Amino acid sequence: MADDLVVVRGVTFAYEERPVLFDVDMAIPRGKVVAIMGLSGCGKTTLLRLIGGQLKPQRGDVLVDGLSVPSLGEEALYRLRRRMGMLFQMGALFTDLTVYENVAFQMREHTDLPEPLIRDLVLMKLHAVGLRGAWHLRPAELSGGMARRVALARAIALDPMLILYDEPFAGLDPISLAVIGRLIRTLNDALGATSVVVTHDVQESLKVVDYVYLMSEGRVIFSGDVAAVHASRDPYVRQFVDGRPDGPVPFHYPAPPWQEMLDHDYA
C-alpha cells in the first residue's frame, strides 16, 4: 500500500546453514512508531539489517518507499540510506570525536553545507535531545543515557524519513529509559518520520508505539495495536508481555528424567 513506508514480503533468511527468518510479512505505515518484539535470537535485528540493505533475503522482498532494497545497486542503496537514521545498540558513538563532531559527521560526509549552517543544525539536534550544553564532551565523559541521546541526535541529523532503533532501551536506568522513550515518540512526530523499534522492553515500548509485531523463532506470531496487545489471550503474548517464567517458552532446558541423571556418573 502507498501508506506503508516499509513492506516486508515473504522474507526468508539464513546465515549460511542457520535459518533465522521464515516467510515473514510486515507492513510499517508512514508516520507511525512500530515495535518489533521478541526474545533474543528471534530475528529482530536481522530484519533491521534487511531493511537497511546490509543483508539480502534468500527469498522474498523488502521495500522501502516503494524501492526493492535487495535489488538496488550500490549508489542507489547509499542514496536511500541517506534518508534513514539508525540508532545502534549502546549508541556506537565515535569515541575519539566530541558530541558536536559526532552529530556533525553525517552532515559533513553527505552534504555540502557550510560550517556555520552545520553548527546551527548540530546545536538544534542536540537541543532536541536536551544536550546542547554537552557539545564539547567526549563519549567517555557521558552517562549511558546521555550517550544514547547523542546517538539519537546523530540518527536524526539529516531529518530522515525512516528511523531504525536497535534495542534503544538496553542498559538504561529507569529515568533515562523513560526519557529515550518520550524522545522516540516526540521526534518521530516532530519530524513526520516513521520509526521501527526493535526491543524486548515491553512496558516502555507499549507507552510510545502505535503498533506491535511479536516474533518467535523467526516467525511473526502476533501483530496488532497496543490495545490488541493488552487484550490478547494468546499464551505466548501473555507470557512475553507479563514476563511469566513458564509458558510456551519453557523455563527449563530439555533434560532427561531426574532419576536417570541422578544415576549417571558425571565425573
Protein backbone atom coordinates (compact mmCIF):
# COMPACT_ATOMS: atom_id res chain seq x y z
CA MET A 1 0.00 0.00 0.00
CA ALA A 2 1.10 3.58 -0.66
CA ASP A 3 0.55 4.39 3.02
CA ASP A 4 3.18 1.82 4.05
CA LEU A 5 6.75 3.11 4.04
CA VAL A 6 8.31 -0.31 4.69
CA VAL A 7 6.90 -3.59 3.37
CA VAL A 8 8.42 -6.99 4.13
CA ARG A 9 7.03 -9.69 1.83
CA GLY A 10 7.55 -13.38 2.44
CA VAL A 11 11.13 -12.90 3.63
CA THR A 12 13.20 -15.97 4.44
CA PHE A 13 16.81 -15.57 5.57
CA ALA A 14 19.60 -17.78 6.90
CA TYR A 15 23.19 -17.19 7.99
CA GLU A 16 24.88 -19.94 5.96
CA GLU A 17 23.22 -23.10 7.31
CA ARG A 18 21.45 -21.43 10.25
CA PRO A 19 17.89 -20.34 9.37
CA VAL A 20 16.76 -17.13 11.09
CA LEU A 21 13.59 -15.85 9.37
CA PHE A 22 10.78 -17.88 7.84
CA ASP A 23 8.30 -16.31 5.39
CA VAL A 24 7.97 -13.04 7.33
CA ASP A 25 5.39 -10.43 6.29
CA MET A 26 5.25 -6.92 7.79
CA ALA A 27 3.91 -3.51 6.84
CA ILE A 28 5.18 -0.33 8.54
CA PRO A 29 2.78 2.61 7.97
CA ARG A 30 4.13 6.08 7.28
CA GLY A 31 4.31 8.37 10.28
CA LYS A 32 3.91 5.61 12.85
CA VAL A 33 6.14 4.12 15.53
CA VAL A 34 6.18 0.33 15.19
CA ALA A 35 7.81 -2.10 17.60
CA ILE A 36 9.28 -5.46 16.63
CA MET A 37 9.45 -7.51 19.82
CA GLY A 38 10.57 -10.98 20.77
CA LEU A 39 13.14 -12.98 22.66
CA SER A 40 16.85 -12.71 21.87
CA GLY A 41 17.75 -14.58 18.70
CA CYS A 42 14.28 -14.48 17.11
CA GLY A 43 15.47 -12.41 14.11
CA LYS A 44 14.59 -8.83 15.13
CA THR A 45 17.98 -7.23 14.41
CA THR A 46 18.34 -9.28 11.23
CA LEU A 47 15.14 -7.62 9.99
CA LEU A 48 16.66 -4.18 10.58
CA ARG A 49 19.72 -5.20 8.56
CA LEU A 50 17.49 -6.38 5.73
CA ILE A 51 15.58 -3.08 5.75
CA GLY A 52 18.87 -1.15 5.68
CA GLY A 53 20.29 -3.31 2.89
CA GLN A 54 23.17 -4.78 4.90
CA LEU A 55 21.75 -8.23 4.16
CA LYS A 56 19.72 -9.70 1.31
CA PRO A 57 16.97 -12.28 1.81
CA GLN A 58 17.23 -15.73 0.25
CA ARG A 59 13.55 -15.42 -0.62
CA GLY A 60 11.03 -12.60 -0.58
CA ASP A 61 11.43 -8.84 -0.85
CA VAL A 62 11.90 -5.74 1.31
CA LEU A 63 10.51 -2.45 0.00
CA VAL A 64 11.29 0.99 1.43
CA ASP A 65 9.35 3.91 -0.05
CA GLY A 66 8.42 1.67 -2.97
CA LEU A 67 12.01 0.63 -3.72
CA SER A 68 13.10 -3.02 -3.58
CA VAL A 69 16.11 -2.78 -1.25
CA PRO A 70 17.75 -6.12 -2.28
CA SER A 71 17.60 -5.08 -5.95
CA LEU A 72 19.30 -1.69 -5.53
CA GLY A 73 22.80 -1.08 -6.83
CA GLU A 74 25.42 0.38 -4.53
CA GLU A 75 24.86 4.02 -5.47
CA ALA A 76 21.06 3.77 -5.23
CA LEU A 77 21.32 1.94 -1.89
CA TYR A 78 23.57 4.65 -0.43
CA ARG A 79 21.15 7.29 -1.71
CA LEU A 80 18.28 5.51 0.09
CA ARG A 81 20.32 5.09 3.28
CA ARG A 82 20.87 8.85 3.44
CA ARG A 83 17.13 9.07 4.05
CA MET A 84 17.38 6.69 7.01
CA GLY A 85 18.63 7.20 10.55
CA MET A 86 19.97 4.38 12.70
CA LEU A 87 20.31 4.18 16.48
CA PHE A 88 22.66 1.27 17.16
CA GLN A 89 22.72 -0.84 20.29
CA MET A 90 24.60 1.02 23.04
CA GLY A 91 24.83 4.13 20.83
CA ALA A 92 28.04 3.28 18.92
CA LEU A 93 29.41 6.83 19.09
CA PHE A 94 32.81 7.64 17.62
CA THR A 95 34.93 7.60 20.77
CA ASP A 96 37.61 10.00 19.51
CA LEU A 97 35.13 12.68 18.47
CA THR A 98 33.27 15.16 20.64
CA VAL A 99 29.49 15.17 20.95
CA TYR A 100 29.37 18.04 18.45
CA GLU A 101 31.58 16.22 15.94
CA ASN A 102 29.58 13.00 16.26
CA VAL A 103 26.37 14.78 15.28
CA ALA A 104 28.07 16.83 12.56
CA PHE A 105 29.70 13.76 11.00
CA GLN A 106 26.81 12.84 8.64
CA MET A 107 26.28 16.44 7.60
CA ARG A 108 29.93 16.80 6.62
CA GLU A 109 30.02 13.37 4.97
CA HIS A 110 26.83 13.57 2.91
CA THR A 111 26.17 17.27 2.27
CA ASP A 112 27.96 20.39 1.04
CA LEU A 113 26.52 22.59 3.76
CA PRO A 114 28.75 25.42 5.01
CA GLU A 115 30.15 25.07 8.54
CA PRO A 116 28.06 27.91 10.02
CA LEU A 117 24.87 26.13 8.91
CA ILE A 118 26.18 22.76 10.16
CA ARG A 119 26.87 24.45 13.52
CA ASP A 120 23.29 25.72 13.73
CA LEU A 121 21.83 22.33 12.78
CA VAL A 122 24.03 20.39 15.22
CA LEU A 123 23.04 22.66 18.09
CA MET A 124 19.38 22.30 17.11
CA LYS A 125 19.60 18.49 17.12
CA LEU A 126 21.42 18.48 20.45
CA HIS A 127 18.86 20.88 21.88
CA ALA A 128 16.09 18.50 20.79
CA VAL A 129 17.59 15.74 22.98
CA GLY A 130 18.44 18.12 25.85
CA LEU A 131 22.23 18.08 25.39
CA ARG A 132 23.14 21.37 23.70
CA GLY A 133 25.34 22.22 26.70
CA ALA A 134 27.29 18.96 26.35
CA TRP A 135 28.54 19.72 22.84
CA HIS A 136 32.22 19.72 23.89
CA LEU A 137 32.23 16.41 25.82
CA ARG A 138 33.61 13.13 24.54
CA PRO A 139 31.68 9.83 24.76
CA ALA A 140 33.80 8.63 27.71
CA GLU A 141 32.52 11.62 29.72
CA LEU A 142 28.85 10.77 29.14
CA SER A 143 26.49 8.59 31.14
CA GLY A 144 24.79 5.72 29.34
CA GLY A 145 21.57 7.68 28.94
CA MET A 146 23.39 10.77 27.65
CA ALA A 147 25.35 8.71 25.13
CA ARG A 148 22.11 7.21 23.81
CA ARG A 149 20.61 10.68 23.45
CA VAL A 150 23.66 11.90 21.49
CA ALA A 151 23.33 8.84 19.27
CA LEU A 152 19.69 9.76 18.72
CA ALA A 153 20.68 13.32 17.76
CA ARG A 154 23.13 11.83 15.27
CA ALA A 155 20.44 9.50 13.90
CA ILE A 156 18.14 12.45 13.11
CA ALA A 157 20.93 14.71 11.83
CA LEU A 158 19.69 14.62 8.21
CA ASP A 159 15.95 14.65 9.05
CA PRO A 160 15.42 11.04 7.89
CA MET A 161 12.11 9.67 6.65
CA LEU A 162 12.80 6.37 8.45
CA ILE A 163 14.49 5.87 11.83
CA LEU A 164 15.61 2.40 12.89
CA TYR A 165 16.23 1.67 16.58
CA ASP A 166 18.13 -1.44 17.66
CA GLU A 167 17.41 -2.10 21.37
CA PRO A 168 17.27 1.61 22.32
CA PHE A 169 16.36 0.83 25.96
CA ALA A 170 19.09 -1.72 26.69
CA GLY A 171 21.21 -0.99 29.77
CA LEU A 172 19.45 2.24 30.76
CA ASP A 173 18.36 3.30 34.25
CA PRO A 174 14.60 3.94 34.70
CA ILE A 175 14.87 7.71 34.25
CA SER A 176 16.99 7.51 31.09
CA LEU A 177 14.74 4.76 29.76
CA ALA A 178 11.66 6.95 30.12
CA VAL A 179 13.47 9.93 28.55
CA ILE A 180 14.53 7.90 25.49
CA GLY A 181 11.01 6.53 25.11
CA ARG A 182 9.50 10.01 25.09
CA LEU A 183 12.15 11.25 22.65
CA ILE A 184 11.42 8.43 20.20
CA ARG A 185 7.75 9.40 20.16
CA THR A 186 8.28 13.18 20.15
CA LEU A 187 10.97 13.25 17.49
CA ASN A 188 9.06 10.89 15.21
CA ASP A 189 6.02 13.14 15.30
CA ALA A 190 8.01 16.38 15.04
CA LEU A 191 9.98 15.16 12.01
CA GLY A 192 7.00 13.48 10.33
CA ALA A 193 9.15 10.36 10.22
CA THR A 194 8.46 6.64 10.53
CA SER A 195 10.17 4.63 13.27
CA VAL A 196 10.90 0.92 13.69
CA VAL A 197 11.89 -0.03 17.24
CA VAL A 198 13.47 -3.44 17.83
CA THR A 199 13.22 -4.22 21.53
CA HIS A 200 12.31 -6.72 24.20
CA ASP A 201 11.43 -3.98 26.70
CA VAL A 202 7.68 -4.47 26.65
CA GLN A 203 6.36 -1.99 29.19
CA GLU A 204 8.32 1.05 27.99
CA SER A 205 7.66 0.29 24.33
CA LEU A 206 3.92 -0.02 24.75
CA LYS A 207 3.85 3.54 26.11
CA VAL A 208 5.16 5.07 22.88
CA VAL A 209 4.45 2.79 19.90
CA ASP A 210 1.39 2.62 17.64
CA TYR A 211 1.68 -0.99 16.51
CA VAL A 212 3.46 -4.17 17.56
CA TYR A 213 4.86 -7.22 15.77
CA LEU A 214 5.72 -10.06 18.12
CA MET A 215 8.18 -12.65 16.83
CA SER A 216 9.21 -16.11 17.95
CA GLU A 217 11.77 -18.40 16.32
CA GLY A 218 11.91 -16.36 13.12
CA ARG A 219 8.17 -16.01 12.58
CA VAL A 220 5.58 -13.32 13.28
CA ILE A 221 3.17 -14.85 15.78
CA PHE A 222 1.14 -11.74 16.62
CA SER A 223 0.53 -8.26 15.26
CA GLY A 224 -1.78 -5.52 16.43
CA ASP A 225 -2.07 -2.14 18.07
CA VAL A 226 -1.31 -1.55 21.74
CA ALA A 227 -4.93 -2.17 22.79
CA ALA A 228 -4.86 -5.53 20.99
CA VAL A 229 -1.65 -6.49 22.82
CA HIS A 230 -3.21 -5.79 26.20
CA ALA A 231 -6.42 -7.59 25.26
CA SER A 232 -4.76 -10.68 23.75
CA ARG A 233 -5.28 -14.01 25.46
CA ASP A 234 -2.70 -15.76 23.29
CA PRO A 235 -0.44 -17.77 25.66
CA TYR A 236 2.82 -16.58 24.06
CA VAL A 237 1.72 -12.93 24.04
CA ARG A 238 0.68 -13.13 27.68
CA GLN A 239 3.93 -14.85 28.71
CA PHE A 240 6.04 -12.26 26.90
CA VAL A 241 4.07 -9.17 27.94
CA ASP A 242 3.57 -10.27 31.56
CA GLY A 243 7.11 -11.65 31.97
CA ARG A 244 5.94 -15.07 33.11
CA PRO A 245 8.83 -17.53 33.62
CA ASP A 246 6.98 -20.50 32.15
CA GLY A 247 4.58 -20.97 29.28
CA PRO A 248 5.03 -21.68 25.55
CA VAL A 249 8.67 -20.71 26.13
CA PRO A 250 9.72 -23.19 28.86
CA PHE A 251 11.77 -22.16 31.87
CA HIS A 252 13.63 -25.49 31.98
CA TYR A 253 16.06 -26.52 29.26
CA PRO A 254 15.13 -30.02 27.99
CA ALA A 255 16.67 -32.66 30.28
CA PRO A 256 16.41 -36.40 30.95
CA PRO A 257 14.30 -37.59 33.90
CA TRP A 258 15.65 -36.80 37.38
CA GLN A 259 16.38 -40.41 38.31
CA GLU A 260 18.28 -41.05 35.08
CA MET A 261 20.54 -38.06 35.77
CA LEU A 262 21.00 -38.98 39.45
CA ASP A 263 22.13 -42.46 38.43
CA HIS A 264 24.62 -41.09 35.90
CA ASP A 265 28.31 -40.65 36.76
CA TYR A 266 29.36 -37.12 35.70
CA ALA A 267 32.94 -37.37 36.98
